[in-house]
């Protein structure tokens, strides 16, 4: 009975949410911080994919058996998630 009550409470509509950015200097600083964070994530993704590609090439040349292919796929999936972060949040929240 408790689970049903909790589910009903959690499933209630919270109303229309219209997110707006903070105004003034604080909002500008938050936007700058988010821009820097996105730049850092893109930089890290590109670097990780380049390192995975180099490791994959090295393992192919030397005949070593590593998990570079799995790491490369993980890096690519991470890059897709980073690239679609804003769309994902908008789709899930709004």
PDB file of N, CA and C in Angstrom:
ATOM      1  N   UNK A   1       0.824  -1.192   0.000  1.00  0.00           N
ATOM      2  CA  UNK A   1       0.000   0.000   0.000  1.00  0.00           C
ATOM      3  C   UNK A   1       0.869   1.256   0.000  1.00  0.00           C
ATOM      4  N   UNK A   2       2.006   1.194   0.709  1.00  0.00           N
ATOM      5  CA  UNK A   2       2.908   2.343   0.766  1.00  0.00           C
ATOM      6  C   UNK A   2       3.504   2.630  -0.605  1.00  0.00           C
ATOM      7  N   UNK A   3       3.826   1.601  -1.367  1.00  0.00           N
ATOM      8  CA  UNK A   3       4.405   1.794  -2.698  1.00  0.00           C
ATOM      9  C   UNK A   3       3.418   2.483  -3.622  1.00  0.00           C
ATOM     10  N   UNK A   4       2.150   2.118  -3.552  1.00  0.00           N
ATOM     11  CA  UNK A   4       1.139   2.745  -4.393  1.00  0.00           C
ATOM     12  C   UNK A   4       0.990   4.220  -4.050  1.00  0.00           C
ATOM     13  N   UNK A   5       1.001   4.562  -2.786  1.00  0.00           N
ATOM     14  CA  UNK A   5       0.884   5.948  -2.368  1.00  0.00           C
ATOM     15  C   UNK A   5       2.087   6.755  -2.835  1.00  0.00           C
ATOM     16  N   UNK A   6       3.281   6.194  -2.693  1.00  0.00           N
ATOM     17  CA  UNK A   6       4.493   6.894  -3.127  1.00  0.00           C
ATOM     18  C   UNK A   6       4.487   7.087  -4.632  1.00  0.00           C
ATOM     19  N   UNK A   7       4.010   6.108  -5.373  1.00  0.00           N
ATOM     20  CA  UNK A   7       3.955   6.227  -6.826  1.00  0.00           C
ATOM     21  C   UNK A   7       2.985   7.318  -7.249  1.00  0.00           C
ATOM     22  N   UNK A   8       1.841   7.400  -6.602  1.00  0.00           N
ATOM     23  CA  UNK A   8       0.855   8.427  -6.934  1.00  0.00           C
ATOM     24  C   UNK A   8       1.422   9.811  -6.646  1.00  0.00           C
ATOM     25  N   UNK A   9       2.115   9.971  -5.530  1.00  0.00           N
ATOM     26  CA  UNK A   9       2.690  11.266  -5.175  1.00  0.00           C
ATOM     27  C   UNK A   9       3.777  11.648  -6.173  1.00  0.00           C
ATOM     28  N   UNK A  10       4.635  10.711  -6.558  1.00  0.00           N
ATOM     29  CA  UNK A  10       5.725  10.997  -7.484  1.00  0.00           C
ATOM     30  C   UNK A  10       5.231  11.242  -8.905  1.00  0.00           C
ATOM     31  N   UNK A  11       4.104  10.687  -9.267  1.00  0.00           N
ATOM     32  CA  UNK A  11       3.605  10.816 -10.626  1.00  0.00           C
ATOM     33  C   UNK A  11       2.744  12.053 -10.847  1.00  0.00           C
ATOM     34  N   UNK A  12       2.527  12.846  -9.818  1.00  0.00           N
ATOM     35  CA  UNK A  12       1.678  14.021  -9.967  1.00  0.00           C
ATOM     36  C   UNK A  12       2.365  15.075 -10.829  1.00  0.00           C
ATOM     37  N   UNK A  13       1.568  15.839 -11.525  1.00  0.00           N
ATOM     38  CA  UNK A  13       2.082  16.908 -12.371  1.00  0.00           C
ATOM     39  C   UNK A  13       2.537  18.067 -11.493  1.00  0.00           C
ATOM     40  N   UNK A  14       3.756  18.551 -11.719  1.00  0.00           N
ATOM     41  CA  UNK A  14       4.272  19.658 -10.912  1.00  0.00           C
ATOM     42  C   UNK A  14       3.959  21.004 -11.543  1.00  0.00           C
ATOM     43  N   UNK A  15       3.281  21.004 -12.662  1.00  0.00           N
ATOM     44  CA  UNK A  15       2.931  22.250 -13.322  1.00  0.00           C
ATOM     45  C   UNK A  15       3.886  22.545 -14.467  1.00  0.00           C
ATOM     46  N   UNK A  16       3.560  23.573 -15.192  1.00  0.00           N
ATOM     47  CA  UNK A  16       4.414  23.968 -16.306  1.00  0.00           C
ATOM     48  C   UNK A  16       5.650  24.684 -15.778  1.00  0.00           C
ATOM     49  N   UNK A  17       6.796  24.187 -16.187  1.00  0.00           N
ATOM     50  CA  UNK A  17       8.055  24.779 -15.765  1.00  0.00           C
ATOM     51  C   UNK A  17       8.650  25.511 -16.955  1.00  0.00           C
ATOM     52  N   UNK A  18       8.923  26.782 -16.780  1.00  0.00           N
ATOM     53  CA  UNK A  18       9.516  27.591 -17.837  1.00  0.00           C
ATOM     54  C   UNK A  18      10.872  28.093 -17.346  1.00  0.00           C
ATOM     55  N   UNK A  19      11.945  27.338 -17.624  1.00  0.00           N
ATOM     56  CA  UNK A  19      13.245  27.736 -17.111  1.00  0.00           C
ATOM     57  C   UNK A  19      13.765  29.006 -17.795  1.00  0.00           C
ATOM     58  N   UNK A  20      14.304  29.892 -17.012  1.00  0.00           N
ATOM     59  CA  UNK A  20      14.912  31.110 -17.536  1.00  0.00           C
ATOM     60  C   UNK A  20      16.284  31.271 -16.901  1.00  0.00           C
ATOM     61  N   UNK A  21      17.191  31.828 -17.662  1.00  0.00           N
ATOM     62  CA  UNK A  21      18.539  32.062 -17.160  1.00  0.00           C
ATOM     63  C   UNK A  21      18.525  33.219 -16.169  1.00  0.00           C
ATOM     64  N   UNK A  22      19.409  33.176 -15.180  1.00  0.00           N
ATOM     65  CA  UNK A  22      19.504  34.314 -14.265  1.00  0.00           C
ATOM     66  C   UNK A  22      19.911  35.570 -15.029  1.00  0.00           C
ATOM     67  N   UNK A  23      19.392  36.685 -14.607  1.00  0.00           N
ATOM     68  CA  UNK A  23      19.692  37.927 -15.321  1.00  0.00           C
ATOM     69  C   UNK A  23      20.900  38.619 -14.705  1.00  0.00           C
ATOM     70  N   UNK A  24      21.445  39.531 -15.452  1.00  0.00           N
ATOM     71  CA  UNK A  24      22.542  40.346 -14.952  1.00  0.00           C
ATOM     72  C   UNK A  24      23.892  39.670 -15.044  1.00  0.00           C
ATOM     73  N   UNK A  25      24.804  40.150 -14.221  1.00  0.00           N
ATOM     74  CA  UNK A  25      26.182  39.680 -14.244  1.00  0.00           C
ATOM     75  C   UNK A  25      26.302  38.213 -13.821  1.00  0.00           C
ATOM     76  N   UNK A  26      25.474  37.791 -12.856  1.00  0.00           N
ATOM     77  CA  UNK A  26      25.518  36.407 -12.400  1.00  0.00           C
ATOM     78  C   UNK A  26      25.166  35.452 -13.530  1.00  0.00           C
ATOM     79  N   UNK A  27      24.147  35.765 -14.306  1.00  0.00           N
ATOM     80  CA  UNK A  27      23.755  34.922 -15.428  1.00  0.00           C
ATOM     81  C   UNK A  27      24.836  34.844 -16.487  1.00  0.00           C
ATOM     82  N   UNK A  28      25.531  35.957 -16.726  1.00  0.00           N
ATOM     83  CA  UNK A  28      26.632  35.959 -17.687  1.00  0.00           C
ATOM     84  C   UNK A  28      27.773  35.066 -17.220  1.00  0.00           C
ATOM     85  N   UNK A  29      28.049  35.091 -15.926  1.00  0.00           N
ATOM     86  CA  UNK A  29      29.126  34.243 -15.385  1.00  0.00           C
ATOM     87  C   UNK A  29      28.756  32.768 -15.465  1.00  0.00           C
ATOM     88  N   UNK A  30      27.507  32.442 -15.196  1.00  0.00           N
ATOM     89  CA  UNK A  30      27.063  31.049 -15.306  1.00  0.00           C
ATOM     90  C   UNK A  30      27.164  30.573 -16.750  1.00  0.00           C
ATOM     91  N   UNK A  31      26.732  31.412 -17.699  1.00  0.00           N
ATOM     92  CA  UNK A  31      26.839  31.044 -19.114  1.00  0.00           C
ATOM     93  C   UNK A  31      28.288  30.860 -19.532  1.00  0.00           C
ATOM     94  N   UNK A  32      29.193  31.711 -19.023  1.00  0.00           N
ATOM     95  CA  UNK A  32      30.614  31.563 -19.336  1.00  0.00           C
ATOM     96  C   UNK A  32      31.158  30.266 -18.752  1.00  0.00           C
ATOM     97  N   UNK A  33      30.756  29.937 -17.525  1.00  0.00           N
ATOM     98  CA  UNK A  33      31.190  28.702 -16.900  1.00  0.00           C
ATOM     99  C   UNK A  33      30.710  27.487 -17.697  1.00  0.00           C
ATOM    100  N   UNK A  34      29.460  27.511 -18.132  1.00  0.00           N
ATOM    101  CA  UNK A  34      28.933  26.396 -18.933  1.00  0.00           C
ATOM    102  C   UNK A  34      29.660  26.294 -20.273  1.00  0.00           C
ATOM    103  N   UNK A  35      30.011  27.428 -20.872  1.00  0.00           N
ATOM    104  CA  UNK A  35      30.761  27.418 -22.124  1.00  0.00           C
ATOM    105  C   UNK A  35      32.135  26.807 -21.925  1.00  0.00           C
ATOM    106  N   UNK A  36      32.802  27.175 -20.845  1.00  0.00           N
ATOM    107  CA  UNK A  36      34.119  26.597 -20.555  1.00  0.00           C
ATOM    108  C   UNK A  36      34.013  25.105 -20.279  1.00  0.00           C
ATOM    109  N   UNK A  37      32.969  24.705 -19.556  1.00  0.00           N
ATOM    110  CA  UNK A  37      32.775  23.287 -19.261  1.00  0.00           C
ATOM    111  C   UNK A  37      32.541  22.487 -20.539  1.00  0.00           C
ATOM    112  N   UNK A  38      31.735  23.020 -21.449  1.00  0.00           N
ATOM    113  CA  UNK A  38      31.487  22.338 -22.720  1.00  0.00           C
ATOM    114  C   UNK A  38      32.771  22.267 -23.542  1.00  0.00           C
ATOM    115  N   UNK A  39      33.545  23.339 -23.552  1.00  0.00           N
ATOM    116  CA  UNK A  39      34.815  23.341 -24.277  1.00  0.00           C
ATOM    117  C   UNK A  39      35.744  22.277 -23.700  1.00  0.00           C
ATOM    118  N   UNK A  40      35.819  22.184 -22.370  1.00  0.00           N
ATOM    119  CA  UNK A  40      36.669  21.179 -21.727  1.00  0.00           C
ATOM    120  C   UNK A  40      36.231  19.763 -22.053  1.00  0.00           C
ATOM    121  N   UNK A  41      34.932  19.535 -22.065  1.00  0.00           N
ATOM    122  CA  UNK A  41      34.415  18.197 -22.392  1.00  0.00           C
ATOM    123  C   UNK A  41      34.728  17.827 -23.838  1.00  0.00           C
ATOM    124  N   UNK A  42      34.561  18.764 -24.753  1.00  0.00           N
ATOM    125  CA  UNK A  42      34.866  18.487 -26.157  1.00  0.00           C
ATOM    126  C   UNK A  42      36.352  18.235 -26.326  1.00  0.00           C
ATOM    127  N   UNK A  43      37.191  19.036 -25.672  1.00  0.00           N
ATOM    128  CA  UNK A  43      38.635  18.853 -25.742  1.00  0.00           C
ATOM    129  C   UNK A  43      39.029  17.471 -25.214  1.00  0.00           C
ATOM    130  N   UNK A  44      38.480  17.087 -24.063  1.00  0.00           N
ATOM    131  CA  UNK A  44      38.799  15.783 -23.474  1.00  0.00           C
ATOM    132  C   UNK A  44      38.319  14.638 -24.366  1.00  0.00           C
ATOM    133  N   UNK A  45      37.154  14.790 -24.988  1.00  0.00           N
ATOM    134  CA  UNK A  45      36.637  13.741 -25.876  1.00  0.00           C
ATOM    135  C   UNK A  45      37.532  13.557 -27.094  1.00  0.00           C
ATOM    136  N   UNK A  46      37.931  14.660 -27.704  1.00  0.00           N
ATOM    137  CA  UNK A  46      38.800  14.571 -28.883  1.00  0.00           C
ATOM    138  C   UNK A  46      40.142  13.958 -28.502  1.00  0.00           C
ATOM    139  N   UNK A  47      40.700  14.387 -27.368  1.00  0.00           N
ATOM    140  CA  UNK A  47      41.981  13.836 -26.922  1.00  0.00           C
ATOM    141  C   UNK A  47      41.863  12.336 -26.629  1.00  0.00           C
ATOM    142  N   UNK A  48      40.786  11.931 -25.973  1.00  0.00           N
ATOM    143  CA  UNK A  48      40.603  10.514 -25.638  1.00  0.00           C
ATOM    144  C   UNK A  48      40.455   9.663 -26.890  1.00  0.00           C
ATOM    145  N   UNK A  49      39.717  10.154 -27.877  1.00  0.00           N
ATOM    146  CA  UNK A  49      39.536   9.389 -29.107  1.00  0.00           C
ATOM    147  C   UNK A  49      40.854   9.310 -29.871  1.00  0.00           C
ATOM    148  N   UNK A  50      41.638  10.376 -29.868  1.00  0.00           N
ATOM    149  CA  UNK A  50      42.941  10.344 -30.528  1.00  0.00           C
ATOM    150  C   UNK A  50      43.880   9.352 -29.841  1.00  0.00           C
ATOM    151  N   UNK A  51      43.879   9.344 -28.522  1.00  0.00           N
ATOM    152  CA  UNK A  51      44.734   8.409 -27.777  1.00  0.00           C
ATOM    153  C   UNK A  51      44.291   6.972 -28.024  1.00  0.00           C
ATOM    154  N   UNK A  52      42.975   6.731 -28.025  1.00  0.00           N
ATOM    155  CA  UNK A  52      42.471   5.378 -28.299  1.00  0.00           C
ATOM    156  C   UNK A  52      42.834   4.936 -29.715  1.00  0.00           C
ATOM    157  N   UNK A  53      42.741   5.847 -30.675  1.00  0.00           N
ATOM    158  CA  UNK A  53      43.114   5.514 -32.045  1.00  0.00           C
ATOM    159  C   UNK A  53      44.590   5.181 -32.164  1.00  0.00           C
ATOM    160  N   UNK A  54      45.440   5.953 -31.495  1.00  0.00           N
ATOM    161  CA  UNK A  54      46.874   5.677 -31.517  1.00  0.00           C
ATOM    162  C   UNK A  54      47.184   4.344 -30.841  1.00  0.00           C
ATOM    163  N   UNK A  55      46.523   4.076 -29.724  1.00  0.00           N
ATOM    164  CA  UNK A  55      46.729   2.803 -29.026  1.00  0.00           C
ATOM    165  C   UNK A  55      46.261   1.635 -29.881  1.00  0.00           C
ATOM    166  N   UNK A  56      45.144   1.799 -30.563  1.00  0.00           N
ATOM    167  CA  UNK A  56      44.636   0.746 -31.444  1.00  0.00           C
ATOM    168  C   UNK A  56      45.625   0.463 -32.569  1.00  0.00           C
ATOM    169  N   UNK A  57      46.153   1.530 -33.180  1.00  0.00           N
ATOM    170  CA  UNK A  57      47.148   1.352 -34.231  1.00  0.00           C
ATOM    171  C   UNK A  57      48.408   0.672 -33.729  1.00  0.00           C
ATOM    172  N   UNK A  58      48.873   1.061 -32.544  1.00  0.00           N
ATOM    173  CA  UNK A  58      50.071   0.455 -31.963  1.00  0.00           C
ATOM    174  C   UNK A  58      49.847  -1.024 -31.667  1.00  0.00           C
ATOM    175  N   UNK A  59      48.681  -1.356 -31.124  1.00  0.00           N
ATOM    176  CA  UNK A  59      48.399  -2.764 -30.816  1.00  0.00           C
ATOM    177  C   UNK A  59      48.279  -3.593 -32.082  1.00  0.00           C
ATOM    178  N   UNK A  60      47.756  -3.028 -33.149  1.00  0.00           N
ATOM    179  CA  UNK A  60      47.668  -3.758 -34.420  1.00  0.00           C
ATOM    180  C   UNK A  60      49.056  -4.000 -34.990  1.00  0.00           C
ATOM    181  N   UNK A  61      49.950  -3.007 -34.869  1.00  0.00           N
ATOM    182  CA  UNK A  61      51.306  -3.151 -35.397  1.00  0.00           C
ATOM    183  C   UNK A  61      52.106  -4.181 -34.621  1.00  0.00           C
ATOM    184  N   UNK A  62      51.974  -4.170 -33.299  1.00  0.00           N
ATOM    185  CA  UNK A  62      52.783  -5.057 -32.463  1.00  0.00           C
ATOM    186  C   UNK A  62      52.120  -6.405 -32.232  1.00  0.00           C
ATOM    187  N   UNK A  63      50.882  -6.547 -32.622  1.00  0.00           N
ATOM    188  CA  UNK A  63      50.187  -7.814 -32.417  1.00  0.00           C
ATOM    189  C   UNK A  63      49.701  -8.009 -30.997  1.00  0.00           C
ATOM    190  N   UNK A  64      49.719  -6.972 -30.208  1.00  0.00           N
ATOM    191  CA  UNK A  64      49.250  -7.064 -28.831  1.00  0.00           C
ATOM    192  C   UNK A  64      47.735  -7.158 -28.777  1.00  0.00           C
ATOM    193  N   UNK A  65      47.263  -7.824 -27.766  1.00  0.00           N
ATOM    194  CA  UNK A  65      45.818  -7.973 -27.618  1.00  0.00           C
ATOM    195  C   UNK A  65      45.318  -7.114 -26.483  1.00  0.00           C
ATOM    196  N   UNK A  66      44.788  -6.002 -26.788  1.00  0.00           N
ATOM    197  CA  UNK A  66      44.248  -5.117 -25.753  1.00  0.00           C
ATOM    198  C   UNK A  66      42.795  -4.814 -26.031  1.00  0.00           C
ATOM    199  N   UNK A  67      42.260  -3.947 -25.227  1.00  0.00           N
ATOM    200  CA  UNK A  67      40.855  -3.591 -25.359  1.00  0.00           C
ATOM    201  C   UNK A  67      40.704  -2.186 -25.929  1.00  0.00           C
ATOM    202  N   UNK A  68      41.536  -1.842 -26.903  1.00  0.00           N
ATOM    203  CA  UNK A  68      41.459  -0.501 -27.479  1.00  0.00           C
ATOM    204  C   UNK A  68      40.172  -0.282 -28.249  1.00  0.00           C
ATOM    205  N   UNK A  69      39.659  -1.313 -28.883  1.00  0.00           N
ATOM    206  CA  UNK A  69      38.427  -1.157 -29.647  1.00  0.00           C
ATOM    207  C   UNK A  69      37.267  -0.807 -28.727  1.00  0.00           C
ATOM    208  N   UNK A  70      37.176  -1.473 -27.597  1.00  0.00           N
ATOM    209  CA  UNK A  70      36.126  -1.172 -26.629  1.00  0.00           C
ATOM    210  C   UNK A  70      36.257   0.225 -26.061  1.00  0.00           C
ATOM    211  N   UNK A  71      37.491   0.640 -25.803  1.00  0.00           N
ATOM    212  CA  UNK A  71      37.718   1.993 -25.290  1.00  0.00           C
ATOM    213  C   UNK A  71      37.371   3.037 -26.336  1.00  0.00           C
ATOM    214  N   UNK A  72      37.688   2.741 -27.596  1.00  0.00           N
ATOM    215  CA  UNK A  72      37.361   3.672 -28.676  1.00  0.00           C
ATOM    216  C   UNK A  72      35.848   3.825 -28.818  1.00  0.00           C
ATOM    217  N   UNK A  73      35.127   2.721 -28.748  1.00  0.00           N
ATOM    218  CA  UNK A  73      33.664   2.779 -28.826  1.00  0.00           C
ATOM    219  C   UNK A  73      33.107   3.551 -27.631  1.00  0.00           C
ATOM    220  N   UNK A  74      33.665   3.323 -26.453  1.00  0.00           N
ATOM    221  CA  UNK A  74      33.230   4.070 -25.272  1.00  0.00           C
ATOM    222  C   UNK A  74      33.487   5.557 -25.412  1.00  0.00           C
ATOM    223  N   UNK A  75      34.641   5.923 -25.982  1.00  0.00           N
ATOM    224  CA  UNK A  75      34.942   7.330 -26.212  1.00  0.00           C
ATOM    225  C   UNK A  75      33.992   7.965 -27.205  1.00  0.00           C
ATOM    226  N   UNK A  76      33.648   7.223 -28.249  1.00  0.00           N
ATOM    227  CA  UNK A  76      32.709   7.744 -29.244  1.00  0.00           C
ATOM    228  C   UNK A  76      31.311   7.913 -28.655  1.00  0.00           C
ATOM    229  N   UNK A  77      30.885   6.959 -27.850  1.00  0.00           N
ATOM    230  CA  UNK A  77      29.575   7.079 -27.199  1.00  0.00           C
ATOM    231  C   UNK A  77      29.569   8.273 -26.241  1.00  0.00           C
ATOM    232  N   UNK A  78      30.668   8.455 -25.514  1.00  0.00           N
ATOM    233  CA  UNK A  78      30.772   9.608 -24.622  1.00  0.00           C
ATOM    234  C   UNK A  78      30.710  10.922 -25.386  1.00  0.00           C
ATOM    235  N   UNK A  79      31.366  10.978 -26.548  1.00  0.00           N
ATOM    236  CA  UNK A  79      31.336  12.194 -27.363  1.00  0.00           C
ATOM    237  C   UNK A  79      29.925  12.490 -27.860  1.00  0.00           C
ATOM    238  N   UNK A  80      29.193  11.453 -28.222  1.00  0.00           N
ATOM    239  CA  UNK A  80      27.815  11.650 -28.677  1.00  0.00           C
ATOM    240  C   UNK A  80      26.947  12.166 -27.533  1.00  0.00           C
ATOM    241  N   UNK A  81      27.154  11.627 -26.336  1.00  0.00           N
ATOM    242  CA  UNK A  81      26.376  12.080 -25.179  1.00  0.00           C
ATOM    243  C   UNK A  81      26.713  13.525 -24.837  1.00  0.00           C
ATOM    244  N   UNK A  82      27.991  13.886 -24.897  1.00  0.00           N
ATOM    245  CA  UNK A  82      28.387  15.268 -24.626  1.00  0.00           C
ATOM    246  C   UNK A  82      27.783  16.199 -25.671  1.00  0.00           C
ATOM    247  N   UNK A  83      27.843  15.790 -26.943  1.00  0.00           N
ATOM    248  CA  UNK A  83      27.296  16.627 -28.000  1.00  0.00           C
ATOM    249  C   UNK A  83      25.792  16.817 -27.894  1.00  0.00           C
ATOM    250  N   UNK A  84      25.110  15.813 -27.395  1.00  0.00           N
ATOM    251  CA  UNK A  84      23.651  15.903 -27.290  1.00  0.00           C
ATOM    252  C   UNK A  84      23.161  16.209 -25.880  1.00  0.00           C
ATOM    253  N   UNK A  85      24.049  16.695 -25.007  1.00  0.00           N
ATOM    254  CA  UNK A  85      23.672  16.910 -23.610  1.00  0.00           C
ATOM    255  C   UNK A  85      22.505  17.875 -23.466  1.00  0.00           C
ATOM    256  N   UNK A  86      22.571  18.993 -24.133  1.00  0.00           N
ATOM    257  CA  UNK A  86      21.486  19.981 -24.013  1.00  0.00           C
ATOM    258  C   UNK A  86      20.164  19.419 -24.539  1.00  0.00           C
ATOM    259  N   UNK A  87      20.216  18.735 -25.669  1.00  0.00           N
ATOM    260  CA  UNK A  87      19.009  18.122 -26.217  1.00  0.00           C
ATOM    261  C   UNK A  87      18.461  17.030 -25.318  1.00  0.00           C
ATOM    262  N   UNK A  88      19.361  16.230 -24.713  1.00  0.00           N
ATOM    263  CA  UNK A  88      18.927  15.186 -23.799  1.00  0.00           C
ATOM    264  C   UNK A  88      18.215  15.768 -22.582  1.00  0.00           C
ATOM    265  N   UNK A  89      18.803  16.794 -22.004  1.00  0.00           N
ATOM    266  CA  UNK A  89      18.183  17.402 -20.815  1.00  0.00           C
ATOM    267  C   UNK A  89      16.850  18.037 -21.179  1.00  0.00           C
ATOM    268  N   UNK A  90      16.791  18.747 -22.286  1.00  0.00           N
ATOM    269  CA  UNK A  90      15.532  19.356 -22.699  1.00  0.00           C
ATOM    270  C   UNK A  90      14.469  18.304 -22.962  1.00  0.00           C
ATOM    271  N   UNK A  91      14.846  17.200 -23.586  1.00  0.00           N
ATOM    272  CA  UNK A  91      13.885  16.146 -23.876  1.00  0.00           C
ATOM    273  C   UNK A  91      13.394  15.432 -22.641  1.00  0.00           C
ATOM    274  N   UNK A  92      14.262  15.244 -21.651  1.00  0.00           N
ATOM    275  CA  UNK A  92      13.881  14.506 -20.458  1.00  0.00           C
ATOM    276  C   UNK A  92      13.162  15.377 -19.433  1.00  0.00           C
ATOM    277  N   UNK A  93      13.531  16.626 -19.327  1.00  0.00           N
ATOM    278  CA  UNK A  93      12.965  17.487 -18.290  1.00  0.00           C
ATOM    279  C   UNK A  93      11.736  18.242 -18.792  1.00  0.00           C
ATOM    280  N   UNK A  94      11.843  18.786 -19.976  1.00  0.00           N
ATOM    281  CA  UNK A  94      10.747  19.604 -20.464  1.00  0.00           C
ATOM    282  C   UNK A  94       9.859  18.725 -21.270  1.00  0.00           C
TER     283      UNK A  94
END
